[in-house]
């Protein structure tokens, strides 16, 4: 995979800060911070995205990489629904409008940026020190250019899960490559729900975690993490309120007794988003099936989604499905099951 290289252009206007209202951020996955001297939008989960319109023929994405680990997190940019261009996060990343669209009767261009993958082996939770977090600081434009708002869907979904939900190893596991190279959130069943449901999706996947099982990168189990983006950063369920909450948890819990902890999680989610249905998926390997069913039965807004047969390894994958299996087999079945709950 080839990655875009950083470059500057001349004659840029003032930086459009990351907290400018023209930027639309995927729900439940970003922390926006503005002070008198700086502005940033920070995400830790693969599949987090932001969008806007911009004028001009090119732009520079700017990031704060002062605390980025190695291997660095990887992202995509895309202009006007063109191909996804991968890049290693850097302080300045160029975005170029395709030549066939660079003329006067296309005054604005649609920009999408997606977090492709982050390493599950380094800090994803502790608020201080080096981490995999993506810190977007703004968009540099050509002189005279500006940004405009991207209008989102009014349907919002938040999805909690583990590595199978964040898209780890969707590109297969190759010798001599890192987990960042081998993973692509855009190919995961969870991210694909946005396209299939016509929704904005907030994918909250942390590899190795369960309901009570701690995961890689210092991340605690869902019972201690669902209400936080990372340590000390609250997750806001109110702007916007989710139309449905999805859980795909339990694969990593082993023989832990998760019933009471899951009941607490479901109660906390129901309180955070009153009236929103909560879909608890059977893990694809059937882990913790009985405990999940019992907790759902005691939760008024909760629904059990039986995923038996959704994942066939015949179409690619082992513990983790491959991307083509996710896109063409698993995601459509999950979307069909959730669509019933959205009516």
Protein backbone atom coordinates (compact mmCIF):
# COMPACT_ATOMS: atom_id res chain seq x y z
CA UNK A 1 0.00 0.00 0.00
CA UNK A 2 1.37 3.40 -1.00
CA UNK A 3 0.94 6.32 1.33
CA UNK A 4 0.54 10.02 0.55
CA UNK A 5 3.57 12.14 1.42
CA UNK A 6 3.41 15.41 3.33
CA UNK A 7 3.88 18.63 1.38
CA UNK A 8 3.23 22.35 1.65
CA UNK A 9 1.64 24.68 -0.85
CA UNK A 10 2.25 28.39 -1.08
CA UNK A 11 -0.18 31.23 -0.50
CA UNK A 12 -2.32 29.50 2.10
CA UNK A 13 -4.95 31.39 4.00
CA UNK A 14 -5.27 31.26 7.75
CA UNK A 15 -5.79 27.80 9.19
CA UNK A 16 -9.44 26.78 9.57
CA UNK A 17 -9.43 25.36 13.11
CA UNK A 18 -10.63 21.84 13.83
CA UNK A 19 -13.50 23.17 15.94
CA UNK A 20 -14.98 25.21 13.07
CA UNK A 21 -18.68 24.26 12.79
CA UNK A 22 -18.23 23.39 9.11
CA UNK A 23 -16.54 20.14 10.13
CA UNK A 24 -18.91 17.25 10.76
CA UNK A 25 -17.47 14.59 13.12
CA UNK A 26 -18.73 11.03 13.43
CA UNK A 27 -20.90 10.80 16.55
CA UNK A 28 -19.69 9.57 19.96
CA UNK A 29 -16.05 9.21 18.86
CA UNK A 30 -14.40 12.67 18.91
CA UNK A 31 -13.33 15.08 21.62
CA UNK A 32 -13.29 18.73 20.54
CA UNK A 33 -11.16 21.20 22.45
CA UNK A 34 -10.67 24.90 21.82
CA UNK A 35 -8.55 27.34 23.81
CA UNK A 36 -7.34 30.87 23.16
CA UNK A 37 -4.22 29.47 21.48
CA UNK A 38 -5.18 26.13 19.92
CA UNK A 39 -7.98 24.00 18.53
CA UNK A 40 -8.18 20.25 18.09
CA UNK A 41 -10.46 17.28 17.49
CA UNK A 42 -9.18 13.99 18.85
CA UNK A 43 -10.23 10.38 18.21
CA UNK A 44 -8.80 7.05 19.27
CA UNK A 45 -11.02 4.54 17.45
CA UNK A 46 -10.57 3.24 13.90
CA UNK A 47 -13.60 4.14 11.82
CA UNK A 48 -13.88 7.64 13.29
CA UNK A 49 -14.34 10.17 10.50
CA UNK A 50 -14.91 13.81 9.71
CA UNK A 51 -16.24 15.61 6.65
CA UNK A 52 -16.63 19.08 5.19
CA UNK A 53 -16.82 21.00 1.93
CA UNK A 54 -13.92 23.21 0.81
CA UNK A 55 -13.22 25.49 -2.13
CA UNK A 56 -9.99 25.72 -4.10
CA UNK A 57 -7.92 23.02 -5.77
CA UNK A 58 -5.92 21.76 -2.78
CA UNK A 59 -5.68 21.83 0.98
CA UNK A 60 -3.46 20.66 3.82
CA UNK A 61 -4.71 18.58 6.73
CA UNK A 62 -2.80 19.45 9.89
CA UNK A 63 -2.28 17.21 12.91
CA UNK A 64 -0.52 17.36 16.27
CA UNK A 65 1.79 14.33 16.16
CA UNK A 66 3.97 15.29 19.14
CA UNK A 67 2.77 12.26 21.14
CA UNK A 68 2.18 9.77 18.32
CA UNK A 69 3.63 6.30 18.81
CA UNK A 70 5.46 4.11 16.28
CA UNK A 71 4.05 2.56 14.18
CA UNK A 72 1.92 5.65 13.62
CA UNK A 73 -1.80 5.58 13.08
CA UNK A 74 -3.02 5.42 9.49
CA UNK A 75 -5.86 7.40 7.88
CA UNK A 76 -7.58 7.94 4.55
CA UNK A 77 -8.64 11.09 2.77
CA UNK A 78 -11.09 11.20 -0.12
CA UNK A 79 -12.28 14.07 -2.33
CA UNK A 80 -15.59 14.11 -4.20
CA UNK A 81 -16.30 10.43 -3.53
CA UNK A 82 -13.09 9.43 -5.27
CA UNK A 83 -10.75 6.66 -4.16
CA UNK A 84 -9.59 6.52 -0.56
CA UNK A 85 -6.01 7.80 -0.37
CA UNK A 86 -4.09 6.24 2.56
CA UNK A 87 -1.57 8.21 4.59
CA UNK A 88 0.57 7.82 7.67
CA UNK A 89 -0.38 10.53 10.13
CA UNK A 90 2.01 13.49 9.90
CA UNK A 91 1.98 17.13 10.95
CA UNK A 92 0.94 18.23 7.44
CA UNK A 93 -0.81 16.04 4.85
CA UNK A 94 -1.71 17.37 1.37
CA UNK A 95 -5.13 16.92 -0.22
CA UNK A 96 -5.45 17.48 -3.96
CA UNK A 97 -8.63 17.81 -6.03
CA UNK A 98 -8.72 15.42 -9.04
CA UNK A 99 -7.85 17.36 -12.23
CA UNK A 100 -11.15 16.50 -13.93
CA UNK A 101 -13.04 18.28 -11.12
CA UNK A 102 -10.73 21.26 -10.81
CA UNK A 103 -12.65 23.87 -12.79
CA UNK A 104 -14.89 26.80 -12.09
CA UNK A 105 -18.32 25.18 -12.21
CA UNK A 106 -17.44 22.89 -9.27
CA UNK A 107 -17.05 25.59 -6.61
CA UNK A 108 -16.85 23.25 -3.61
CA UNK A 109 -15.35 19.84 -3.07
CA UNK A 110 -16.42 17.16 -0.59
CA UNK A 111 -13.64 16.08 1.80
CA UNK A 112 -13.82 12.92 3.91
CA UNK A 113 -11.14 11.78 6.36
CA UNK A 114 -11.33 8.38 8.11
CA UNK A 115 -9.13 6.76 10.74
CA UNK A 116 -8.10 3.55 8.97
CA UNK A 117 -6.21 1.79 11.77
CA UNK A 118 -4.29 2.28 15.01
CA UNK A 119 -2.02 -0.11 16.86
CA UNK A 120 -3.66 -2.17 19.57
CA UNK A 121 -0.31 -2.67 21.30
CA UNK A 122 0.29 0.88 22.53
CA UNK A 123 -1.54 3.30 24.80
CA UNK A 124 -5.12 3.92 23.75
CA UNK A 125 -6.56 4.87 27.12
CA UNK A 126 -4.28 6.76 29.49
CA UNK A 127 -4.74 10.51 29.05
CA UNK A 128 -1.05 11.38 29.32
CA UNK A 129 2.05 10.22 27.49
CA UNK A 130 2.49 8.83 23.96
CA UNK A 131 -0.58 7.22 22.41
CA UNK A 132 -2.20 6.20 19.13
CA UNK A 133 -4.72 9.07 19.32
CA UNK A 134 -5.35 11.10 16.17
CA UNK A 135 -5.27 14.84 16.95
CA UNK A 136 -6.61 16.90 14.02
CA UNK A 137 -5.84 20.62 14.34
CA UNK A 138 -7.27 22.14 11.17
CA UNK A 139 -7.36 22.61 7.42
CA UNK A 140 -5.07 24.95 5.50
CA UNK A 141 -6.62 26.32 2.30
CA UNK A 142 -5.46 28.28 -0.70
CA UNK A 143 -5.74 32.06 -0.45
CA UNK A 144 -9.38 33.11 -0.84
CA UNK A 145 -10.77 29.59 -0.29
CA UNK A 146 -13.12 28.60 2.53
CA UNK A 147 -15.01 25.70 4.09
CA UNK A 148 -18.72 24.93 4.21
CA UNK A 149 -20.78 22.49 6.23
CA UNK A 150 -21.40 18.88 5.29
CA UNK A 151 -24.99 18.05 6.30
CA UNK A 152 -25.17 14.65 8.05
CA UNK A 153 -27.84 11.98 8.13
CA UNK A 154 -30.38 12.33 10.92
CA UNK A 155 -30.01 8.63 11.81
CA UNK A 156 -27.27 7.92 14.35
CA UNK A 157 -25.83 4.59 15.49
CA UNK A 158 -23.21 3.87 18.17
CA UNK A 159 -21.52 0.47 18.14
CA UNK A 160 -19.45 -0.99 21.00
CA UNK A 161 -17.18 -3.96 20.51
CA UNK A 162 -13.71 -5.46 20.39
CA UNK A 163 -11.17 -6.10 17.62
CA UNK A 164 -13.83 -7.75 15.45
CA UNK A 165 -15.80 -4.50 15.64
CA UNK A 166 -12.86 -2.14 15.02
CA UNK A 167 -11.70 -4.02 11.92
CA UNK A 168 -8.46 -5.61 13.08
CA UNK A 169 -6.85 -7.90 10.48
CA UNK A 170 -9.49 -7.20 7.83
CA UNK A 171 -6.57 -7.13 5.37
CA UNK A 172 -5.26 -10.49 6.59
CA UNK A 173 -2.22 -11.15 8.75
CA UNK A 174 0.99 -10.92 6.75
CA UNK A 175 4.54 -11.72 7.79
CA UNK A 176 6.67 -8.69 8.59
CA UNK A 177 3.81 -6.18 8.83
CA UNK A 178 2.24 -4.47 11.83
CA UNK A 179 -1.34 -4.66 13.06
CA UNK A 180 -1.74 -1.12 11.70
CA UNK A 181 -0.81 -2.29 8.19
CA UNK A 182 -3.08 -5.33 8.37
CA UNK A 183 -6.22 -3.53 9.52
CA UNK A 184 -8.77 -1.32 7.77
CA UNK A 185 -11.84 -0.09 9.63
CA UNK A 186 -13.60 0.96 6.42
CA UNK A 187 -13.89 -2.71 5.45
CA UNK A 188 -15.39 -3.76 8.78
CA UNK A 189 -19.05 -4.74 9.16
CA UNK A 190 -19.52 -1.99 11.76
CA UNK A 191 -18.35 0.88 9.54
CA UNK A 192 -20.34 -0.54 6.62
CA UNK A 193 -23.56 -0.11 8.59
CA UNK A 194 -23.39 3.60 7.82
CA UNK A 195 -23.78 2.91 4.10
CA UNK A 196 -26.34 0.14 4.53
CA UNK A 197 -28.57 2.00 6.99
CA UNK A 198 -28.08 5.51 5.62
CA UNK A 199 -26.74 6.48 9.04
CA UNK A 200 -23.88 8.20 10.79
CA UNK A 201 -21.98 5.59 12.81
CA UNK A 202 -19.79 5.92 15.86
CA UNK A 203 -17.64 2.79 16.01
CA UNK A 204 -16.15 2.18 19.46
CA UNK A 205 -14.01 -0.93 19.14
CA UNK A 206 -11.11 -1.78 21.45
CA UNK A 207 -9.16 -4.95 20.68
CA UNK A 208 -8.97 -7.53 23.44
CA UNK A 209 -11.75 -6.03 25.54
CA UNK A 210 -14.94 -7.63 26.77
CA UNK A 211 -17.68 -6.71 29.18
CA UNK A 212 -15.25 -7.08 32.08
CA UNK A 213 -12.06 -8.11 30.26
CA UNK A 214 -9.38 -5.43 29.88
CA UNK A 215 -7.83 -5.13 26.43
CA UNK A 216 -4.66 -3.92 24.76
CA UNK A 217 -3.32 -0.40 25.14
CA UNK A 218 -4.49 -0.02 28.77
CA UNK A 219 -8.19 -0.08 27.81
CA UNK A 220 -10.52 -1.36 30.56
CA UNK A 221 -13.56 -3.54 29.97
CA UNK A 222 -16.79 -2.07 28.67
CA UNK A 223 -18.22 -1.84 32.18
CA UNK A 224 -15.60 0.83 32.94
CA UNK A 225 -15.22 2.39 29.49
CA UNK A 226 -18.57 2.81 27.75
CA UNK A 227 -19.12 6.33 29.10
CA UNK A 228 -15.62 7.58 28.22
CA UNK A 229 -13.70 8.18 25.00
CA UNK A 230 -10.52 7.50 26.99
CA UNK A 231 -9.39 8.22 30.53
CA UNK A 232 -10.95 11.49 31.69
CA UNK A 233 -12.73 12.28 28.37
CA UNK A 234 -16.52 11.87 28.68
CA UNK A 235 -18.54 10.39 25.82
CA UNK A 236 -21.50 12.62 24.95
CA UNK A 237 -24.66 10.68 24.08
CA UNK A 238 -26.84 13.77 23.86
CA UNK A 239 -25.58 15.55 20.72
CA UNK A 240 -27.05 13.74 18.90
CA UNK A 241 -29.03 11.16 20.81
CA UNK A 242 -28.43 7.72 19.25
CA UNK A 243 -31.30 6.11 17.39
CA UNK A 244 -29.90 2.70 18.28
CA UNK A 245 -27.06 1.36 20.44
CA UNK A 246 -25.32 -1.84 19.31
CA UNK A 247 -23.11 -4.15 21.40
CA UNK A 248 -20.92 -6.89 19.95
CA UNK A 249 -19.12 -7.95 23.13
CA UNK A 250 -18.28 -11.16 24.95
CA UNK A 251 -15.79 -12.91 22.67
CA UNK A 252 -12.89 -12.07 24.98
CA UNK A 253 -14.60 -12.58 28.33
CA UNK A 254 -13.78 -16.27 28.58
CA UNK A 255 -15.29 -17.81 31.70
CA UNK A 256 -15.73 -14.52 33.53
CA UNK A 257 -19.08 -13.95 35.19
CA UNK A 258 -20.37 -11.04 33.14
CA UNK A 259 -24.10 -11.01 33.96
CA UNK A 260 -24.08 -8.35 36.69
CA UNK A 261 -21.54 -6.17 34.88
CA UNK A 262 -23.50 -6.34 31.63
CA UNK A 263 -26.71 -5.43 33.46
CA UNK A 264 -24.94 -2.34 34.80
CA UNK A 265 -23.70 -1.41 31.33
CA UNK A 266 -27.14 -1.80 29.79
CA UNK A 267 -28.67 0.27 32.57
CA UNK A 268 -26.07 2.99 32.08
CA UNK A 269 -26.65 3.10 28.34
CA UNK A 270 -30.42 3.21 28.79
CA UNK A 271 -30.02 6.14 31.17
CA UNK A 272 -27.62 7.95 28.82
CA UNK A 273 -29.94 7.60 25.81
CA UNK A 274 -33.52 7.25 27.09
CA UNK A 275 -35.81 5.49 24.65
CA UNK A 276 -33.09 4.28 22.30
CA UNK A 277 -33.26 0.56 21.51
CA UNK A 278 -30.17 -1.42 22.54
CA UNK A 279 -29.23 -4.33 20.29
CA UNK A 280 -27.03 -6.94 21.97
CA UNK A 281 -25.46 -9.14 19.34
CA UNK A 282 -24.52 -12.74 19.90
CA UNK A 283 -20.74 -12.82 19.36
CA UNK A 284 -20.00 -14.51 16.05
CA UNK A 285 -18.37 -17.46 17.85
CA UNK A 286 -21.24 -17.78 20.32
CA UNK A 287 -19.26 -16.74 23.40
CA UNK A 288 -21.28 -15.83 26.52
CA UNK A 289 -24.55 -16.52 24.71
CA UNK A 290 -26.50 -17.52 27.82
CA UNK A 291 -25.24 -14.61 29.95
CA UNK A 292 -26.03 -12.10 27.21
CA UNK A 293 -29.54 -13.47 26.73
CA UNK A 294 -30.22 -13.32 30.46
CA UNK A 295 -29.13 -9.69 30.73
CA UNK A 296 -31.21 -8.70 27.71
CA UNK A 297 -34.29 -10.40 29.13
CA UNK A 298 -34.07 -8.15 32.20
CA UNK A 299 -33.61 -4.92 30.19
CA UNK A 300 -36.70 -3.20 28.78
CA UNK A 301 -35.13 -1.36 25.80
CA UNK A 302 -32.80 -4.27 24.94
CA UNK A 303 -33.08 -6.75 22.09
CA UNK A 304 -31.04 -9.87 21.43
CA UNK A 305 -29.69 -10.26 17.89
CA UNK A 306 -28.98 -13.90 17.13
CA UNK A 307 -26.03 -13.82 14.71
CA UNK A 308 -25.80 -17.59 14.27
CA UNK A 309 -24.60 -18.22 10.71
CA UNK A 310 -23.70 -14.58 10.01
CA UNK A 311 -19.97 -15.37 9.89
CA UNK A 312 -18.78 -18.24 7.72
CA UNK A 313 -15.01 -18.66 7.58
CA UNK A 314 -15.46 -20.12 4.12
CA UNK A 315 -15.55 -16.53 2.87
CA UNK A 316 -12.33 -15.51 4.64
CA UNK A 317 -10.96 -15.11 8.14
CA UNK A 318 -10.22 -16.95 11.35
CA UNK A 319 -11.13 -15.27 14.65
CA UNK A 320 -11.29 -12.02 12.66
CA UNK A 321 -13.28 -11.91 9.41
CA UNK A 322 -11.54 -10.61 6.32
CA UNK A 323 -12.76 -7.35 4.81
CA UNK A 324 -14.57 -8.91 1.82
CA UNK A 325 -16.41 -11.25 4.18
CA UNK A 326 -17.34 -8.29 6.40
CA UNK A 327 -18.54 -6.14 3.50
CA UNK A 328 -20.44 -8.70 1.41
CA UNK A 329 -21.67 -11.23 3.96
CA UNK A 330 -21.69 -10.05 7.59
CA UNK A 331 -22.63 -6.37 7.29
CA UNK A 332 -25.78 -6.93 5.19
CA UNK A 333 -27.08 -9.50 7.68
CA UNK A 334 -26.41 -7.25 10.67
CA UNK A 335 -28.05 -4.31 8.88
CA UNK A 336 -31.15 -6.37 8.14
CA UNK A 337 -31.44 -7.36 11.80
CA UNK A 338 -31.02 -3.79 13.04
CA UNK A 339 -33.36 -2.25 10.48
CA UNK A 340 -36.29 -4.01 12.14
CA UNK A 341 -35.46 -2.30 15.44
CA UNK A 342 -35.30 1.14 13.84
CA UNK A 343 -38.91 1.09 12.65
